[in-house]
């Protein structure tokens, strides 16, 4: 997969020129007839996998407003699994593009655009904020109604001026609410496009478990890690994916893990296979069989979401795992710093979003292409203490947390 810096570089070199040409094309083409029945809608979803969970209220609104319309989705191939988990679009109406290389992206994009134009789309919703490629798809897919975020007079990425239902990006509203606004903009001609009274976000429904799925997951877990069968499980997710600046310090994760074990819990560290080094560091600090490495244990988004049903608490960086937890009953503590829960907080009623209001936070925004000016010293996350996280855990778990002495010093012996 193309790394974030290379994606930004390609986007910066190629994107503005293509967006300018598309703007010129649509101006020369003249005004288009936009008053028509909306029967085919395309949603472009190229964001991080976890952010896709926050689009579910928008899909609900589309179904309410256009019950007979066919909804199609264009997404990256690695995000397909998260979209399948939401069950908001028929599988045959999902179109994917590979992003592991420039050649694969170009080839799949050509194929996708041919298919999209053949669909004779009535409307397209571009949900992207941080790149121009989705705007290019919106400009060439053939849809008469083009909805997307627009900078208007604000600073931000130049993404052309061919969106004819422009929605101002609002940094003070949760992104899930803004996605719903995009859905409402399809049939609007007001300026700004939508002036709706916001309502409280409804909790996301839990995923529908298949018969025997949870029992099979529990049996497999206990067979592989018997220590997890004897204690209530707290999951830790210390990975931060492609944005390491979003990671809470490993020393803090380790301190919390030791205290949870001292209070009678088992700790299971989840994440990708490449997070094993992080898990090993926490295990070394705990030096206890009740701390188990599950990084790379699950092979799909669905598997990790089912696995979360077996725990009593999740403690995670701001990442996809925190959003997948909102599709389960598990309480979660989500640690924010470079980004803000005001925009990206979990929609779960059982979640606690922790964030310190530093003068420089949030620093990853739609205005800087998610390129932080930070020197890597993420004080915003370092300022969240293990004691605060444990206090939040006590609040979420109620009587399940027993009292314990103050935080113990790190262990020095090896993992058994």
Protein backbone atom coordinates (compact mmCIF):
# COMPACT_ATOMS: atom_id res chain seq x y z
CA UNK A 1 0.00 0.00 0.00
CA UNK A 2 1.25 3.51 -0.82
CA UNK A 3 2.42 5.22 2.36
CA UNK A 4 0.79 8.44 3.49
CA UNK A 5 3.67 10.74 2.45
CA UNK A 6 3.82 9.29 -1.05
CA UNK A 7 0.06 9.61 -1.44
CA UNK A 8 0.28 13.27 -0.41
CA UNK A 9 3.14 13.91 -2.85
CA UNK A 10 1.31 12.35 -5.80
CA UNK A 11 -1.87 14.16 -4.85
CA UNK A 12 -0.02 17.49 -4.61
CA UNK A 13 1.74 17.09 -7.98
CA UNK A 14 -1.07 15.66 -10.09
CA UNK A 15 -4.29 16.54 -8.26
CA UNK A 16 -4.57 20.34 -8.66
CA UNK A 17 -4.03 20.25 -12.43
CA UNK A 18 -6.60 17.52 -12.99
CA UNK A 19 -9.13 19.30 -10.75
CA UNK A 20 -8.57 22.54 -12.71
CA UNK A 21 -9.12 20.75 -16.02
CA UNK A 22 -12.32 19.17 -14.72
CA UNK A 23 -13.53 22.60 -13.58
CA UNK A 24 -12.86 23.99 -17.06
CA UNK A 25 -14.61 21.01 -18.68
CA UNK A 26 -17.79 21.43 -16.66
CA UNK A 27 -17.84 25.21 -17.25
CA UNK A 28 -17.47 24.79 -21.00
CA UNK A 29 -20.15 22.12 -20.97
CA UNK A 30 -22.54 24.63 -19.47
CA UNK A 31 -25.26 24.23 -16.89
CA UNK A 32 -26.69 20.77 -16.49
CA UNK A 33 -30.29 19.81 -15.80
CA UNK A 34 -30.30 18.76 -12.16
CA UNK A 35 -34.03 18.54 -11.44
CA UNK A 36 -34.57 14.83 -11.96
CA UNK A 37 -35.62 11.76 -10.06
CA UNK A 38 -32.74 10.41 -8.02
CA UNK A 39 -32.60 6.71 -8.82
CA UNK A 40 -28.87 5.92 -8.75
CA UNK A 41 -26.54 7.38 -6.11
CA UNK A 42 -22.79 6.89 -5.80
CA UNK A 43 -20.98 7.33 -2.47
CA UNK A 44 -17.19 7.71 -2.63
CA UNK A 45 -15.50 6.35 0.52
CA UNK A 46 -11.72 6.43 0.46
CA UNK A 47 -11.15 7.35 4.12
CA UNK A 48 -9.50 5.25 6.81
CA UNK A 49 -11.26 2.00 7.55
CA UNK A 50 -12.49 3.05 11.00
CA UNK A 51 -14.00 6.27 9.68
CA UNK A 52 -16.31 4.23 7.46
CA UNK A 53 -18.23 3.22 10.60
CA UNK A 54 -19.16 6.89 11.03
CA UNK A 55 -20.91 6.91 7.64
CA UNK A 56 -23.73 4.62 8.75
CA UNK A 57 -26.13 7.44 9.80
CA UNK A 58 -25.67 8.94 6.32
CA UNK A 59 -26.68 5.67 4.64
CA UNK A 60 -29.75 5.56 6.88
CA UNK A 61 -30.70 9.08 5.74
CA UNK A 62 -30.23 8.15 2.08
CA UNK A 63 -32.61 5.22 2.55
CA UNK A 64 -35.15 7.48 4.26
CA UNK A 65 -35.04 10.13 1.52
CA UNK A 66 -34.63 7.89 -1.52
CA UNK A 67 -36.11 4.48 -0.61
CA UNK A 68 -36.28 3.27 -4.21
CA UNK A 69 -32.82 4.48 -5.26
CA UNK A 70 -29.93 2.12 -5.91
CA UNK A 71 -26.91 3.14 -3.82
CA UNK A 72 -23.43 2.28 -5.11
CA UNK A 73 -20.13 2.72 -3.27
CA UNK A 74 -16.63 3.33 -4.61
CA UNK A 75 -14.00 2.46 -2.00
CA UNK A 76 -10.44 1.18 -1.67
CA UNK A 77 -10.06 -2.58 -1.65
CA UNK A 78 -8.71 -2.67 1.92
CA UNK A 79 -11.79 -0.81 3.16
CA UNK A 80 -14.21 -3.27 1.58
CA UNK A 81 -14.24 -5.44 4.72
CA UNK A 82 -15.39 -2.56 6.93
CA UNK A 83 -18.13 -1.68 4.48
CA UNK A 84 -19.32 -5.30 4.39
CA UNK A 85 -19.50 -5.23 8.20
CA UNK A 86 -21.96 -2.31 8.11
CA UNK A 87 -24.30 -4.13 5.69
CA UNK A 88 -25.58 -0.87 4.19
CA UNK A 89 -24.99 -1.66 0.50
CA UNK A 90 -25.50 -4.80 -1.56
CA UNK A 91 -22.17 -6.46 -2.29
CA UNK A 92 -22.66 -6.33 -6.06
CA UNK A 93 -23.02 -2.53 -5.80
CA UNK A 94 -19.56 -2.03 -4.26
CA UNK A 95 -16.78 -1.00 -6.64
CA UNK A 96 -13.19 -1.16 -5.36
CA UNK A 97 -9.83 0.23 -6.42
CA UNK A 98 -6.45 -1.05 -5.29
CA UNK A 99 -4.12 1.49 -3.67
CA UNK A 100 -1.03 -0.68 -3.17
CA UNK A 101 0.75 0.85 -6.20
CA UNK A 102 0.31 3.68 -8.70
CA UNK A 103 -0.11 1.21 -11.55
CA UNK A 104 -2.85 -0.75 -9.77
CA UNK A 105 -4.64 2.47 -8.80
CA UNK A 106 -4.54 3.78 -12.38
CA UNK A 107 -5.76 0.49 -13.88
CA UNK A 108 -8.58 0.02 -11.37
CA UNK A 109 -9.59 3.68 -11.66
CA UNK A 110 -10.01 3.37 -15.43
CA UNK A 111 -12.16 0.27 -15.00
CA UNK A 112 -14.20 1.86 -12.21
CA UNK A 113 -14.90 5.05 -14.19
CA UNK A 114 -16.10 3.03 -17.19
CA UNK A 115 -18.51 1.11 -14.99
CA UNK A 116 -19.72 4.24 -13.19
CA UNK A 117 -20.45 6.10 -16.40
CA UNK A 118 -22.36 3.10 -17.71
CA UNK A 119 -24.61 3.28 -14.64
CA UNK A 120 -25.87 6.75 -15.66
CA UNK A 121 -25.68 8.04 -12.11
CA UNK A 122 -28.02 10.76 -10.91
CA UNK A 123 -25.99 11.88 -7.88
CA UNK A 124 -22.55 11.38 -6.35
CA UNK A 125 -21.51 12.10 -2.76
CA UNK A 126 -17.79 12.70 -2.23
CA UNK A 127 -17.04 12.12 1.48
CA UNK A 128 -13.32 12.84 1.29
CA UNK A 129 -11.57 15.76 3.01
CA UNK A 130 -7.88 15.02 2.72
CA UNK A 131 -7.22 14.12 -0.93
CA UNK A 132 -8.20 15.12 -4.45
CA UNK A 133 -8.57 11.71 -6.03
CA UNK A 134 -12.15 11.33 -4.80
CA UNK A 135 -13.03 14.75 -6.26
CA UNK A 136 -11.63 13.57 -9.59
CA UNK A 137 -13.82 10.47 -9.45
CA UNK A 138 -16.82 12.69 -8.70
CA UNK A 139 -15.99 14.92 -11.65
CA UNK A 140 -15.65 12.13 -14.22
CA UNK A 141 -18.30 9.60 -13.05
CA UNK A 142 -21.05 11.25 -15.10
CA UNK A 143 -23.38 12.15 -12.22
CA UNK A 144 -25.47 15.28 -12.83
CA UNK A 145 -25.71 16.15 -9.13
CA UNK A 146 -22.29 16.36 -7.48
CA UNK A 147 -22.21 16.76 -3.69
CA UNK A 148 -19.06 17.27 -1.65
CA UNK A 149 -17.23 19.35 0.91
CA UNK A 150 -16.05 22.71 -0.41
CA UNK A 151 -13.62 25.14 1.16
CA UNK A 152 -15.50 28.27 -0.05
CA UNK A 153 -13.36 31.11 1.36
CA UNK A 154 -11.55 28.90 3.86
CA UNK A 155 -8.01 27.68 3.45
CA UNK A 156 -7.68 24.07 2.48
CA UNK A 157 -7.10 21.77 -0.45
CA UNK A 158 -7.97 23.07 -3.89
CA UNK A 159 -10.29 20.38 -5.27
CA UNK A 160 -11.75 22.22 -8.24
CA UNK A 161 -15.06 24.06 -8.54
CA UNK A 162 -17.23 21.53 -10.33
CA UNK A 163 -19.21 20.39 -7.26
CA UNK A 164 -22.71 21.81 -7.83
CA UNK A 165 -23.98 20.97 -4.34
CA UNK A 166 -21.11 22.38 -2.25
CA UNK A 167 -21.29 21.79 1.50
CA UNK A 168 -19.08 23.91 3.78
CA UNK A 169 -16.81 21.78 5.95
CA UNK A 170 -17.61 22.52 9.61
CA UNK A 171 -14.74 21.82 12.06
CA UNK A 172 -17.14 22.22 15.00
CA UNK A 173 -19.50 19.36 14.13
CA UNK A 174 -18.95 15.64 14.36
CA UNK A 175 -18.07 14.21 10.96
CA UNK A 176 -20.96 11.73 11.17
CA UNK A 177 -23.35 14.72 11.27
CA UNK A 178 -21.57 16.30 8.31
CA UNK A 179 -21.94 13.11 6.28
CA UNK A 180 -25.70 13.28 6.90
CA UNK A 181 -25.62 16.90 5.69
CA UNK A 182 -24.11 15.68 2.42
CA UNK A 183 -27.07 13.34 1.97
CA UNK A 184 -29.50 16.21 2.58
CA UNK A 185 -27.68 18.40 0.04
CA UNK A 186 -28.72 16.27 -2.96
CA UNK A 187 -32.08 18.00 -3.42
CA UNK A 188 -31.13 21.41 -2.05
CA UNK A 189 -30.39 24.67 -3.90
CA UNK A 190 -29.94 26.88 -0.83
CA UNK A 191 -26.78 28.78 0.10
CA UNK A 192 -25.23 27.28 2.17
CA UNK A 193 -26.64 24.11 0.72
CA UNK A 194 -28.18 22.68 3.92
CA UNK A 195 -29.49 24.55 6.95
CA UNK A 196 -30.76 21.75 9.15
CA UNK A 197 -31.17 21.58 12.90
CA UNK A 198 -28.81 18.94 14.23
CA UNK A 199 -30.24 16.12 16.30
CA UNK A 200 -28.41 13.86 18.69
CA UNK A 201 -26.63 11.00 16.94
CA UNK A 202 -28.33 7.67 17.52
CA UNK A 203 -26.14 4.81 18.78
CA UNK A 204 -25.02 2.48 16.03
CA UNK A 205 -26.73 -0.93 16.03
CA UNK A 206 -24.56 -3.87 17.03
CA UNK A 207 -23.51 -6.19 14.24
CA UNK A 208 -25.73 -9.22 13.76
CA UNK A 209 -23.81 -12.26 14.95
CA UNK A 210 -24.18 -15.46 12.96
CA UNK A 211 -25.42 -18.62 14.72
CA UNK A 212 -22.59 -20.08 16.80
CA UNK A 213 -20.15 -17.34 15.77
CA UNK A 214 -19.51 -15.99 19.27
CA UNK A 215 -19.24 -19.45 20.82
CA UNK A 216 -16.73 -20.52 18.16
CA UNK A 217 -14.66 -17.39 18.75
CA UNK A 218 -14.65 -17.97 22.52
CA UNK A 219 -13.66 -21.62 22.18
CA UNK A 220 -10.85 -20.80 19.75
CA UNK A 221 -9.52 -18.03 22.00
CA UNK A 222 -9.55 -20.12 25.17
CA UNK A 223 -7.96 -23.06 23.40
CA UNK A 224 -5.10 -20.89 22.10
CA UNK A 225 -4.72 -18.83 25.31
CA UNK A 226 -6.07 -20.69 28.40
CA UNK A 227 -5.07 -17.79 30.67
CA UNK A 228 -7.86 -15.71 29.11
CA UNK A 229 -10.50 -18.22 30.22
CA UNK A 230 -9.92 -17.58 33.92
CA UNK A 231 -10.26 -13.78 34.10
CA UNK A 232 -12.38 -11.00 32.56
CA UNK A 233 -10.53 -9.67 29.51
CA UNK A 234 -9.47 -6.08 28.86
CA UNK A 235 -8.28 -5.49 25.30
CA UNK A 236 -5.47 -3.01 24.64
CA UNK A 237 -4.82 -1.64 21.14
CA UNK A 238 -1.51 0.29 21.21
CA UNK A 239 -1.00 0.57 17.42
CA UNK A 240 -1.61 3.81 15.53
CA UNK A 241 -1.40 2.62 11.93
CA UNK A 242 0.04 5.04 9.40
CA UNK A 243 -0.04 7.97 11.85
CA UNK A 244 2.25 7.07 14.77
CA UNK A 245 1.75 10.53 16.26
CA UNK A 246 -1.67 9.26 17.42
CA UNK A 247 -0.10 6.66 19.73
CA UNK A 248 -0.37 6.91 23.52
CA UNK A 249 3.05 6.11 25.05
CA UNK A 250 3.85 2.42 25.42
CA UNK A 251 5.00 3.08 28.96
CA UNK A 252 1.48 4.29 29.78
CA UNK A 253 -0.14 1.26 28.18
CA UNK A 254 2.27 -0.91 30.19
CA UNK A 255 1.43 0.81 33.47
CA UNK A 256 -2.30 0.35 32.89
CA UNK A 257 -1.80 -3.28 31.87
CA UNK A 258 0.12 -4.06 35.09
CA UNK A 259 -2.57 -2.49 37.26
CA UNK A 260 -5.38 -4.25 35.46
CA UNK A 261 -3.65 -7.59 36.01
CA UNK A 262 -3.14 -6.71 39.68
CA UNK A 263 -6.88 -6.07 39.93
CA UNK A 264 -7.81 -9.47 38.57
CA UNK A 265 -8.15 -8.87 34.84
CA UNK A 266 -6.44 -10.51 31.91
CA UNK A 267 -4.94 -8.17 29.30
CA UNK A 268 -5.07 -9.07 25.61
CA UNK A 269 -3.12 -6.89 23.20
CA UNK A 270 -4.78 -6.63 19.78
CA UNK A 271 -3.58 -5.12 16.54
CA UNK A 272 -1.94 -5.89 13.24
CA UNK A 273 0.89 -8.37 12.83
CA UNK A 274 3.35 -5.47 12.59
CA UNK A 275 2.30 -4.37 16.09
CA UNK A 276 3.98 -7.39 17.70
CA UNK A 277 6.94 -5.30 18.83
CA UNK A 278 4.52 -3.08 20.77
CA UNK A 279 2.89 -6.12 22.34
CA UNK A 280 6.26 -7.57 23.32
CA UNK A 281 7.17 -4.34 25.13
CA UNK A 282 3.95 -4.41 27.16
CA UNK A 283 4.37 -8.10 27.93
CA UNK A 284 7.91 -7.53 29.14
CA UNK A 285 6.70 -4.76 31.46
CA UNK A 286 3.93 -6.96 32.87
CA UNK A 287 5.93 -10.19 33.21
CA UNK A 288 2.72 -12.14 33.76
CA UNK A 289 0.95 -14.94 31.90
CA UNK A 290 -2.27 -12.93 32.15
CA UNK A 291 -0.86 -10.53 29.52
CA UNK A 292 -1.39 -12.13 26.10
CA UNK A 293 -0.30 -11.05 22.63
CA UNK A 294 -3.16 -11.25 20.13
CA UNK A 295 -1.60 -9.01 17.45
CA UNK A 296 -2.18 -10.64 14.09
CA UNK A 297 -4.60 -13.11 15.73
CA UNK A 298 -7.63 -11.98 13.73
CA UNK A 299 -7.65 -12.21 9.94
CA UNK A 300 -10.49 -9.79 9.16
CA UNK A 301 -12.41 -6.79 10.42
CA UNK A 302 -15.33 -9.04 11.26
CA UNK A 303 -13.11 -11.34 13.34
CA UNK A 304 -11.76 -8.49 15.48
CA UNK A 305 -15.29 -7.11 15.94
CA UNK A 306 -16.59 -10.52 17.06
CA UNK A 307 -13.55 -10.93 19.34
CA UNK A 308 -14.36 -7.65 21.10
CA UNK A 309 -17.64 -9.20 22.27
CA UNK A 310 -15.57 -11.43 24.58
CA UNK A 311 -14.04 -8.57 26.57
CA UNK A 312 -15.28 -6.25 29.31
CA UNK A 313 -13.30 -3.19 28.17
CA UNK A 314 -11.23 -1.85 25.26
CA UNK A 315 -8.49 0.75 25.70
CA UNK A 316 -7.28 2.05 22.35
CA UNK A 317 -5.61 4.84 20.47
CA UNK A 318 -7.78 6.81 18.08
CA UNK A 319 -7.96 4.09 15.43
CA UNK A 320 -10.29 1.80 13.55
CA UNK A 321 -10.58 -0.61 16.47
CA UNK A 322 -12.28 2.05 18.57
CA UNK A 323 -14.92 2.57 15.89
CA UNK A 324 -15.45 -1.16 15.35
CA UNK A 325 -16.08 -1.42 19.10
CA UNK A 326 -19.07 0.91 18.65
CA UNK A 327 -20.73 -1.96 16.75
CA UNK A 328 -20.50 -4.17 19.87
CA UNK A 329 -21.63 -3.90 23.51
CA UNK A 330 -18.06 -3.49 24.85
CA UNK A 331 -17.24 -0.24 26.72
CA UNK A 332 -14.24 1.58 25.24
CA UNK A 333 -11.72 4.22 26.26
CA UNK A 334 -10.44 6.02 23.15
CA UNK A 335 -7.36 8.22 23.47
CA UNK A 336 -7.30 11.37 21.32
CA UNK A 337 -4.58 13.97 20.80
CA UNK A 338 -3.62 15.05 17.27
CA UNK A 339 -7.27 14.69 16.27
CA UNK A 340 -10.34 15.62 18.25
CA UNK A 341 -13.33 13.61 19.50
CA UNK A 342 -15.48 16.61 18.61
CA UNK A 343 -15.07 15.47 15.01
CA UNK A 344 -14.17 11.79 15.26
CA UNK A 345 -15.32 10.56 18.66
CA UNK A 346 -16.86 7.11 19.00
CA UNK A 347 -20.63 7.00 18.55
CA UNK A 348 -20.96 4.27 21.19
CA UNK A 349 -22.93 5.24 24.33
CA UNK A 350 -20.46 3.03 26.22
CA UNK A 351 -17.34 4.90 25.08
CA UNK A 352 -15.20 7.44 26.92
CA UNK A 353 -13.22 9.72 24.59
CA UNK A 354 -10.23 11.17 26.47
CA UNK A 355 -8.57 14.32 25.13
CA UNK A 356 -6.42 17.12 26.55
CA UNK A 357 -7.22 20.64 25.23
CA UNK A 358 -3.66 21.70 24.38
CA UNK A 359 -3.13 24.95 22.47
CA UNK A 360 -1.80 22.99 19.48
CA UNK A 361 -4.37 20.18 19.45
CA UNK A 362 -5.89 19.05 17.16
CA UNK A 363 -3.06 19.39 14.66
CA UNK A 364 -4.26 16.93 11.99
CA UNK A 365 -6.96 18.80 10.10
CA UNK A 366 -8.61 19.25 6.73
CA UNK A 367 -6.57 22.42 6.38
CA UNK A 368 -3.11 20.82 6.51
CA UNK A 369 -3.68 17.59 4.59
CA UNK A 370 -3.33 15.73 7.92
CA UNK A 371 0.33 16.67 7.98
CA UNK A 372 1.08 17.70 11.54
CA UNK A 373 3.59 20.44 12.35
CA UNK A 374 4.49 18.50 15.51
CA UNK A 375 8.12 17.45 15.99
CA UNK A 376 6.92 14.04 17.17
CA UNK A 377 6.68 14.96 20.83
CA UNK A 378 2.93 14.34 21.16
CA UNK A 379 2.45 16.01 24.53
CA UNK A 380 -1.30 15.95 23.91
CA UNK A 381 -1.30 12.17 24.42
CA UNK A 382 1.54 12.03 26.93
CA UNK A 383 -0.54 14.35 29.14
CA UNK A 384 -3.21 11.67 29.56
CA UNK A 385 -1.98 9.78 32.60
CA UNK A 386 -2.42 6.07 33.35
CA UNK A 387 -4.28 7.13 36.50
CA UNK A 388 -6.87 8.99 34.39
CA UNK A 389 -7.36 5.98 32.16
CA UNK A 390 -7.78 3.69 35.18
CA UNK A 391 -10.30 6.12 36.68
CA UNK A 392 -12.27 6.04 33.43
CA UNK A 393 -12.07 2.24 33.48
CA UNK A 394 -13.44 2.17 37.02
CA UNK A 395 -16.30 4.40 35.95
CA UNK A 396 -17.15 2.25 32.93
CA UNK A 397 -16.78 -1.09 34.70
CA UNK A 398 -18.40 -0.10 37.96
CA UNK A 399 -18.09 -2.79 40.61
CA UNK A 400 -15.89 -5.02 38.48
CA UNK A 401 -12.80 -2.92 39.36
CA UNK A 402 -11.36 -3.69 42.78
CA UNK A 403 -9.21 -1.24 44.65
CA UNK A 404 -5.46 -1.55 44.21
CA UNK A 405 -2.35 0.21 45.48
CA UNK A 406 -0.84 3.12 43.52
CA UNK A 407 0.74 2.32 40.18
CA UNK A 408 3.55 -0.20 40.57
CA UNK A 409 7.03 0.35 39.14
CA UNK A 410 7.90 -1.41 35.87
CA UNK A 411 8.92 -5.04 36.08
CA UNK A 412 12.50 -5.80 35.17
CA UNK A 413 12.34 -9.55 34.58
CA UNK A 414 11.56 -11.29 31.31
CA UNK A 415 8.15 -12.45 30.13
CA UNK A 416 7.50 -15.94 31.37
